[in-house]
């Protein structure tokens, strides 16, 4: 087993809803990075081949989508194919489990809207640099249980759209178009990792957003100080190193944070320390209605301590929509 790689992605996988025992079993043969994606795709294939009731097939399709998304987290020539397969599996799974769910696609975005009976409002879930709408099912499920409709989206350079688009400084405008397309009277946003920056920036600019939350979102990026692996990832998503450095230079909430006036919950893990990345403490302190929740021992995306923040975040968003 490639212990460093498998261990590094353990909380990411379990935070997405992968059973920890299934994860360890499925990744036991991984001894090098180029074995990661095939192992994840084999795990997905087990779920894709399931027979049974519509509920069983739907649940297993969603699990396959999570595994296929995980396959994209390590550079691989088949990453775009895996992302497309994850997108298709999730759509098929929701069509079986939630027949009223529907895909909504527009200029620069695509996603699935899931709607409970008589929703109190809609929350848009915004992924980060290498995450996608198919990673955060547990967060969406927590909101749905509280009567909130959820639109989980991929934007420029994310998920199924990464094959044909790159990181964009225009993400807040894309998010505004997504709000138009969803047609929600009351809307909140939650952004994870780089999606936290997108969520905060959009909230400062689009006054239709009534509540916001971030998880492991950056306040500012310093390109020269960032670890090589992060710069390489951003380079792949931006198209080249020059574009990545230019994008990173725009990630700074100093001027926008005072305009984030809605109730805002900022969640960070205190073990999430990435050089060149300023965490969300500054955002929470500058935003007029910001509240900060730092989780002891929490890693990036705080998958290690989900129970310490996910219920509080779901409650915060639900209450902000009421």
Protein backbone atom coordinates (compact mmCIF):
# COMPACT_ATOMS: atom_id res chain seq x y z
CA UNK A 1 0.00 0.00 0.00
CA UNK A 2 1.22 3.53 -0.80
CA UNK A 3 0.67 4.58 2.80
CA UNK A 4 1.29 8.30 2.34
CA UNK A 5 -1.17 8.69 -0.52
CA UNK A 6 -3.89 6.43 0.85
CA UNK A 7 -3.63 7.92 4.32
CA UNK A 8 -3.59 11.48 2.96
CA UNK A 9 -6.89 10.95 1.16
CA UNK A 10 -8.59 8.89 3.88
CA UNK A 11 -10.55 11.73 5.51
CA UNK A 12 -11.38 13.16 2.09
CA UNK A 13 -12.93 9.83 1.09
CA UNK A 14 -14.75 9.13 4.34
CA UNK A 15 -15.94 12.75 4.49
CA UNK A 16 -17.55 12.14 1.10
CA UNK A 17 -19.44 9.17 2.52
CA UNK A 18 -17.14 6.27 1.60
CA UNK A 19 -17.19 3.50 4.21
CA UNK A 20 -13.73 3.45 5.87
CA UNK A 21 -13.46 -0.33 5.66
CA UNK A 22 -14.42 -0.27 1.98
CA UNK A 23 -11.82 2.43 1.44
CA UNK A 24 -9.00 0.48 3.08
CA UNK A 25 -9.97 -2.71 1.25
CA UNK A 26 -10.31 -1.02 -2.15
CA UNK A 27 -7.03 0.87 -1.83
CA UNK A 28 -4.97 -1.94 -0.30
CA UNK A 29 -3.24 -2.66 -3.62
CA UNK A 30 -2.24 0.95 -4.30
CA UNK A 31 1.56 1.15 -4.23
CA UNK A 32 2.10 4.11 -6.56
CA UNK A 33 0.15 7.19 -7.65
CA UNK A 34 -0.65 5.71 -11.07
CA UNK A 35 -2.49 2.87 -9.35
CA UNK A 36 -4.87 5.21 -7.52
CA UNK A 37 -7.39 5.91 -10.27
CA UNK A 38 -7.69 2.28 -11.42
CA UNK A 39 -8.33 1.19 -7.82
CA UNK A 40 -11.07 3.80 -7.41
CA UNK A 41 -12.64 2.84 -10.73
CA UNK A 42 -12.66 -0.85 -9.76
CA UNK A 43 -14.44 0.09 -6.53
CA UNK A 44 -16.97 2.11 -8.52
CA UNK A 45 -17.53 -0.80 -10.89
CA UNK A 46 -18.63 -3.02 -8.00
CA UNK A 47 -21.41 -0.57 -7.21
CA UNK A 48 -22.33 0.07 -10.83
CA UNK A 49 -22.89 -3.65 -11.30
CA UNK A 50 -25.31 -4.01 -8.40
CA UNK A 51 -28.74 -5.51 -9.00
CA UNK A 52 -31.69 -5.12 -6.66
CA UNK A 53 -34.49 -2.72 -5.89
CA UNK A 54 -34.61 0.80 -7.30
CA UNK A 55 -33.51 2.11 -3.89
CA UNK A 56 -30.54 -0.25 -3.77
CA UNK A 57 -29.49 0.63 -7.31
CA UNK A 58 -29.89 4.34 -6.62
CA UNK A 59 -27.82 4.21 -3.44
CA UNK A 60 -25.10 2.22 -5.17
CA UNK A 61 -25.02 4.59 -8.13
CA UNK A 62 -24.35 7.46 -5.73
CA UNK A 63 -21.59 5.47 -4.08
CA UNK A 64 -20.10 4.77 -7.50
CA UNK A 65 -20.21 8.50 -8.22
CA UNK A 66 -18.19 9.20 -5.07
CA UNK A 67 -15.56 6.62 -6.02
CA UNK A 68 -15.35 7.95 -9.57
CA UNK A 69 -14.85 11.45 -8.24
CA UNK A 70 -12.07 10.17 -5.96
CA UNK A 71 -10.40 8.73 -9.07
CA UNK A 72 -9.88 12.30 -10.32
CA UNK A 73 -7.93 13.47 -7.26
CA UNK A 74 -4.58 12.08 -8.45
CA UNK A 75 -3.37 13.20 -11.91
CA UNK A 76 -4.37 10.62 -14.49
CA UNK A 77 -5.06 10.66 -18.22
CA UNK A 78 -8.53 9.27 -17.56
CA UNK A 79 -9.55 11.95 -15.05
CA UNK A 80 -12.00 13.70 -17.36
CA UNK A 81 -13.59 10.37 -18.28
CA UNK A 82 -13.96 9.49 -14.58
CA UNK A 83 -15.52 12.88 -13.85
CA UNK A 84 -18.05 12.39 -16.63
CA UNK A 85 -18.84 8.91 -15.34
CA UNK A 86 -19.33 10.29 -11.81
CA UNK A 87 -21.67 12.94 -13.16
CA UNK A 88 -23.73 10.33 -15.03
CA UNK A 89 -23.86 7.91 -12.10
CA UNK A 90 -25.05 10.61 -9.69
CA UNK A 91 -27.76 11.79 -12.08
CA UNK A 92 -28.98 8.22 -12.55
CA UNK A 93 -28.90 7.55 -8.81
CA UNK A 94 -30.94 10.62 -7.94
CA UNK A 95 -33.46 9.82 -10.69
CA UNK A 96 -34.16 6.56 -8.88
CA UNK A 97 -34.08 7.85 -5.30
CA UNK A 98 -35.55 11.35 -5.81
CA UNK A 99 -37.62 11.45 -9.01
CA UNK A 100 -38.27 15.18 -8.57
CA UNK A 101 -34.55 15.98 -8.72
CA UNK A 102 -33.45 17.64 -11.94
CA UNK A 103 -30.36 18.80 -13.74
CA UNK A 104 -29.95 22.54 -14.29
CA UNK A 105 -27.26 23.69 -16.68
CA UNK A 106 -26.30 27.14 -17.92
CA UNK A 107 -23.34 29.19 -19.12
CA UNK A 108 -20.38 27.95 -17.07
CA UNK A 109 -22.24 25.69 -14.64
CA UNK A 110 -24.13 22.45 -14.27
CA UNK A 111 -25.63 20.65 -11.30
CA UNK A 112 -28.47 18.70 -9.73
CA UNK A 113 -31.29 20.40 -7.83
CA UNK A 114 -32.75 18.24 -5.07
CA UNK A 115 -35.99 19.49 -3.53
CA UNK A 116 -37.86 18.27 -0.43
CA UNK A 117 -41.55 18.96 0.07
CA UNK A 118 -42.23 22.64 0.88
CA UNK A 119 -38.57 23.74 1.06
CA UNK A 120 -37.73 26.66 3.32
CA UNK A 121 -35.26 27.88 0.70
CA UNK A 122 -32.37 26.71 -1.46
CA UNK A 123 -28.68 26.35 -0.67
CA UNK A 124 -26.10 26.20 -3.45
CA UNK A 125 -23.11 23.97 -2.66
CA UNK A 126 -19.90 25.24 -4.26
CA UNK A 127 -16.92 22.88 -4.63
CA UNK A 128 -13.25 23.81 -4.61
CA UNK A 129 -10.09 23.44 -6.66
CA UNK A 130 -10.22 19.67 -7.25
CA UNK A 131 -13.58 18.83 -5.68
CA UNK A 132 -16.91 18.58 -7.45
CA UNK A 133 -20.64 18.42 -6.85
CA UNK A 134 -20.27 14.65 -6.47
CA UNK A 135 -18.09 14.87 -3.33
CA UNK A 136 -20.36 16.58 -0.82
CA UNK A 137 -23.43 14.31 -0.71
CA UNK A 138 -23.41 14.10 3.14
CA UNK A 139 -23.62 17.89 3.43
CA UNK A 140 -26.47 18.04 0.93
CA UNK A 141 -28.28 15.23 2.74
CA UNK A 142 -28.00 17.09 6.07
CA UNK A 143 -29.64 20.14 4.51
CA UNK A 144 -32.39 18.12 2.85
CA UNK A 145 -33.28 16.55 6.21
CA UNK A 146 -33.85 20.09 7.48
CA UNK A 147 -36.25 20.90 4.66
CA UNK A 148 -33.78 22.81 2.49
CA UNK A 149 -33.54 22.37 -1.28
CA UNK A 150 -29.96 21.86 -2.48
CA UNK A 151 -28.33 22.72 -5.77
CA UNK A 152 -24.86 21.13 -5.92
CA UNK A 153 -22.96 22.64 -8.84
CA UNK A 154 -19.81 22.36 -10.89
CA UNK A 155 -18.48 25.66 -12.18
CA UNK A 156 -15.54 26.60 -14.40
CA UNK A 157 -12.65 24.14 -14.05
CA UNK A 158 -14.59 21.85 -11.70
CA UNK A 159 -15.88 18.29 -11.92
CA UNK A 160 -17.44 17.34 -15.22
CA UNK A 161 -16.73 20.85 -16.59
CA UNK A 162 -12.95 20.59 -16.04
CA UNK A 163 -12.58 18.86 -19.42
CA UNK A 164 -13.73 21.97 -21.27
CA UNK A 165 -13.07 24.93 -18.95
CA UNK A 166 -10.47 26.38 -16.60
CA UNK A 167 -10.44 28.30 -13.33
CA UNK A 168 -12.19 31.62 -13.74
CA UNK A 169 -12.06 34.91 -11.88
CA UNK A 170 -15.65 35.32 -13.06
CA UNK A 171 -17.00 32.60 -10.78
CA UNK A 172 -19.25 34.99 -8.78
CA UNK A 173 -20.98 35.96 -12.04
CA UNK A 174 -21.40 32.28 -12.90
CA UNK A 175 -22.94 31.71 -9.48
CA UNK A 176 -25.36 34.59 -10.05
CA UNK A 177 -26.45 32.94 -13.29
CA UNK A 178 -26.96 29.68 -11.40
CA UNK A 179 -29.18 31.49 -8.88
CA UNK A 180 -31.21 32.84 -11.79
CA UNK A 181 -31.56 29.35 -13.28
CA UNK A 182 -32.54 27.70 -9.99
CA UNK A 183 -35.22 30.34 -9.49
CA UNK A 184 -35.17 30.25 -5.69
CA UNK A 185 -36.90 33.05 -3.82
CA UNK A 186 -34.59 32.56 -0.84
CA UNK A 187 -31.03 31.36 -1.39
CA UNK A 188 -27.94 30.60 0.68
CA UNK A 189 -24.46 29.43 -0.30
CA UNK A 190 -21.86 27.14 1.20
CA UNK A 191 -18.40 26.87 -0.30
CA UNK A 192 -15.75 24.29 0.47
CA UNK A 193 -12.00 24.85 0.11
CA UNK A 194 -11.51 27.27 -2.81
CA UNK A 195 -15.31 27.24 -3.07
CA UNK A 196 -15.30 29.12 0.23
CA UNK A 197 -13.63 32.04 -1.48
CA UNK A 198 -16.14 31.84 -4.33
CA UNK A 199 -19.04 31.76 -1.86
CA UNK A 200 -17.81 34.77 0.12
CA UNK A 201 -17.03 36.81 -3.00
CA UNK A 202 -20.43 36.05 -4.51
CA UNK A 203 -22.22 36.93 -1.27
CA UNK A 204 -20.51 40.32 -1.22
CA UNK A 205 -21.66 41.01 -4.78
CA UNK A 206 -25.09 39.37 -5.08
CA UNK A 207 -27.57 40.67 -2.51
CA UNK A 208 -30.05 37.88 -3.18
CA UNK A 209 -27.90 35.61 -0.98
CA UNK A 210 -29.29 35.73 2.57
CA UNK A 211 -26.95 33.35 4.42
CA UNK A 212 -23.49 31.93 3.77
CA UNK A 213 -20.95 29.46 5.11
CA UNK A 214 -17.42 28.40 4.23
CA UNK A 215 -15.41 25.30 5.11
CA UNK A 216 -11.60 25.48 4.80
CA UNK A 217 -11.96 28.46 2.48
CA UNK A 218 -8.96 30.73 1.80
CA UNK A 219 -9.02 34.41 2.66
CA UNK A 220 -5.92 35.08 0.55
CA UNK A 221 -3.46 33.10 -1.58
CA UNK A 222 0.27 33.77 -1.95
CA UNK A 223 1.40 31.93 -5.10
CA UNK A 224 5.19 31.86 -4.41
CA UNK A 225 4.67 30.51 -0.89
CA UNK A 226 2.23 27.73 -1.84
CA UNK A 227 3.53 24.11 -1.82
CA UNK A 228 4.63 22.75 -5.21
CA UNK A 229 1.85 20.15 -5.21
CA UNK A 230 -0.82 22.84 -4.77
CA UNK A 231 0.75 25.04 -7.45
CA UNK A 232 0.84 22.05 -9.81
CA UNK A 233 -2.82 21.30 -9.15
CA UNK A 234 -3.80 24.92 -9.74
CA UNK A 235 -1.69 24.95 -12.91
CA UNK A 236 -3.58 21.96 -14.29
CA UNK A 237 -6.94 23.55 -13.51
CA UNK A 238 -5.92 26.99 -14.85
CA UNK A 239 -4.28 25.73 -18.04
CA UNK A 240 -0.70 26.84 -17.41
CA UNK A 241 1.52 28.25 -14.66
CA UNK A 242 1.16 31.87 -15.77
CA UNK A 243 -2.63 31.66 -15.69
CA UNK A 244 -2.53 29.88 -12.33
CA UNK A 245 -0.32 32.55 -10.75
CA UNK A 246 -2.56 35.29 -12.15
CA UNK A 247 -5.65 33.55 -10.77
CA UNK A 248 -4.07 33.06 -7.34
CA UNK A 249 -3.28 36.77 -7.18
CA UNK A 250 -7.00 37.55 -7.42
CA UNK A 251 -7.92 35.35 -4.44
CA UNK A 252 -8.03 38.00 -1.73
CA UNK A 253 -11.12 38.92 0.29
CA UNK A 254 -9.64 41.99 1.97
CA UNK A 255 -11.82 44.44 0.05
CA UNK A 256 -14.90 42.20 -0.27
CA UNK A 257 -15.16 40.89 3.30
CA UNK A 258 -16.82 44.06 4.73
CA UNK A 259 -19.60 43.66 2.14
CA UNK A 260 -20.43 40.12 3.32
CA UNK A 261 -23.22 41.38 5.58
CA UNK A 262 -25.40 38.27 5.84
CA UNK A 263 -25.10 35.72 8.65
CA UNK A 264 -21.82 33.94 7.88
CA UNK A 265 -20.32 30.83 9.47
CA UNK A 266 -16.63 30.20 8.76
CA UNK A 267 -15.31 26.73 9.59
CA UNK A 268 -11.61 25.81 9.69
CA UNK A 269 -9.61 22.91 11.09
CA UNK A 270 -6.70 23.93 13.27
CA UNK A 271 -4.50 21.22 11.70
CA UNK A 272 -5.15 22.60 8.21
CA UNK A 273 -2.03 24.69 7.61
CA UNK A 274 -1.06 25.11 3.97
CA UNK A 275 1.82 27.52 3.28
CA UNK A 276 0.70 30.47 1.22
CA UNK A 277 -2.93 30.07 2.22
CA UNK A 278 -4.47 32.46 4.75
CA UNK A 279 -7.42 30.72 6.40
CA UNK A 280 -10.88 32.07 7.11
CA UNK A 281 -10.27 33.71 10.49
CA UNK A 282 -9.81 37.12 8.87
CA UNK A 283 -13.04 36.76 6.89
CA UNK A 284 -15.01 35.92 10.03
CA UNK A 285 -13.54 38.88 11.92
CA UNK A 286 -14.10 41.45 9.15
CA UNK A 287 -17.54 40.36 7.90
CA UNK A 288 -20.14 42.26 9.98
CA UNK A 289 -22.10 39.11 10.88
CA UNK A 290 -19.28 36.60 10.77
CA UNK A 291 -18.89 33.74 13.23
CA UNK A 292 -15.80 31.55 13.45
CA UNK A 293 -15.68 27.85 14.28
CA UNK A 294 -12.18 26.36 14.51
CA UNK A 295 -12.20 22.58 14.98
CA UNK A 296 -9.35 21.13 17.10
CA UNK A 297 -7.48 18.51 15.10
CA UNK A 298 -9.46 19.28 11.96
CA UNK A 299 -7.71 18.78 8.64
CA UNK A 300 -8.52 20.35 5.27
CA UNK A 301 -12.30 20.07 4.72
CA UNK A 302 -12.42 18.83 8.35
CA UNK A 303 -13.34 15.32 7.29
CA UNK A 304 -11.67 14.02 10.43
CA UNK A 305 -14.23 15.71 12.71
CA UNK A 306 -17.38 16.09 10.64
CA UNK A 307 -19.75 15.75 13.61
CA UNK A 308 -18.12 18.80 15.22
CA UNK A 309 -19.22 21.19 12.47
CA UNK A 310 -21.66 19.70 9.94
CA UNK A 311 -24.82 19.82 12.12
CA UNK A 312 -24.01 23.38 13.22
CA UNK A 313 -23.37 24.48 9.65
CA UNK A 314 -26.58 22.88 8.38
CA UNK A 315 -28.55 24.55 11.20
CA UNK A 316 -26.91 27.91 10.44
CA UNK A 317 -27.88 27.76 6.79
CA UNK A 318 -31.41 26.57 7.52
CA UNK A 319 -32.03 29.29 10.10
CA UNK A 320 -30.64 31.92 7.72
CA UNK A 321 -33.18 30.96 5.09
CA UNK A 322 -36.20 31.12 7.40
